[in-house]
Amino acid sequence: MIKLEIPRKDEIHLAIVDKLTNLALAHSVRVNPLLKLPLLTDGKARFEGSDSIEAYLNETEEELHTWWYCAC
């Protein structure tokens, strides 16, 4: 399960939550005001900051799209 911690509920951070929800991935979200940047953990992989999280989610979206249409 993907775990996302955001420092506050604002437009930038809620966009990450929306992306996770739209990808239909199992995830949990927690507000952690001690953080300066959002933190996403997926197993042993950790991504800190909106840009790196967005890049990871875009890559994951591409993989999901490839598998969805795979004629394996």
Protein backbone atom coordinates (compact mmCIF):
# COMPACT_ATOMS: atom_id res chain seq x y z
CA MET A 1 0.00 0.00 0.00
CA ILE A 2 1.19 3.49 -0.83
CA LYS A 3 1.47 5.84 2.12
CA LEU A 4 1.37 9.57 1.55
CA GLU A 5 2.11 12.15 4.21
CA ILE A 6 1.41 15.79 3.43
CA PRO A 7 2.35 18.80 5.54
CA ARG A 8 -1.01 20.52 5.01
CA LYS A 9 -4.20 20.31 2.97
CA ASP A 10 -3.61 22.78 0.18
CA GLU A 11 -4.15 22.71 -3.56
CA ILE A 12 -0.72 21.28 -4.44
CA HIS A 13 -0.86 18.46 -1.92
CA LEU A 14 -4.50 17.61 -2.55
CA ALA A 15 -3.65 17.28 -6.27
CA ILE A 16 -1.32 14.41 -5.32
CA VAL A 17 -4.13 12.79 -3.33
CA ASP A 18 -6.46 13.18 -6.34
CA LYS A 19 -3.90 11.54 -8.63
CA LEU A 20 -3.58 8.54 -6.29
CA THR A 21 -7.36 8.23 -6.11
CA ASN A 22 -7.74 8.48 -9.91
CA LEU A 23 -5.12 5.75 -10.39
CA ALA A 24 -7.25 3.50 -8.13
CA LEU A 25 -4.19 2.49 -6.12
CA ALA A 26 -4.48 1.33 -2.53
CA HIS A 27 -3.23 4.22 -0.44
CA SER A 28 -3.48 6.02 2.85
CA VAL A 29 -3.07 9.74 3.43
CA ARG A 30 -2.03 11.47 6.62
CA VAL A 31 -1.46 15.13 7.39
CA ASN A 32 1.84 15.59 9.22
CA PRO A 33 2.42 19.28 10.01
CA LEU A 34 6.03 18.51 11.03
CA LEU A 35 6.94 17.83 7.39
CA LYS A 36 8.15 20.58 5.06
CA LEU A 37 7.63 18.49 1.90
CA PRO A 38 5.18 15.71 1.06
CA LEU A 39 6.50 12.17 1.49
CA LEU A 40 5.29 9.12 -0.45
CA THR A 41 6.32 5.61 0.56
CA ASP A 42 5.64 2.59 -1.64
CA GLY A 43 7.20 -0.47 -0.07
CA LYS A 44 10.89 0.34 0.26
CA ALA A 45 10.75 3.22 -2.23
CA ARG A 46 10.52 6.74 -0.80
CA PHE A 47 9.86 9.95 -2.68
CA GLU A 48 10.07 13.38 -1.09
CA GLY A 49 8.74 16.56 -2.67
CA SER A 50 5.93 17.20 -5.12
CA ASP A 51 8.12 16.91 -8.22
CA SER A 52 9.58 13.49 -7.39
CA ILE A 53 6.20 12.17 -6.24
CA GLU A 54 4.53 13.43 -9.43
CA ALA A 55 7.26 11.81 -11.56
CA TYR A 56 6.79 8.49 -9.74
CA LEU A 57 3.00 8.61 -10.12
CA ASN A 58 3.32 9.45 -13.82
CA GLU A 59 5.65 6.48 -14.29
CA THR A 60 3.23 4.25 -12.39
CA GLU A 61 0.35 5.53 -14.52
CA GLU A 62 2.26 4.60 -17.69
CA GLU A 63 2.92 1.10 -16.33
CA LEU A 64 -0.75 0.65 -15.45
CA HIS A 65 -1.76 1.83 -18.92
CA THR A 66 0.70 -0.60 -20.55
CA TRP A 67 -0.51 -3.56 -18.50
CA TRP A 68 -4.17 -2.66 -19.01
CA TYR A 69 -3.76 -2.83 -22.77
CA CYS A 70 -1.24 -5.67 -22.79
CA ALA A 71 -2.27 -8.65 -24.91
CA CYS A 72 0.03 -10.96 -22.97
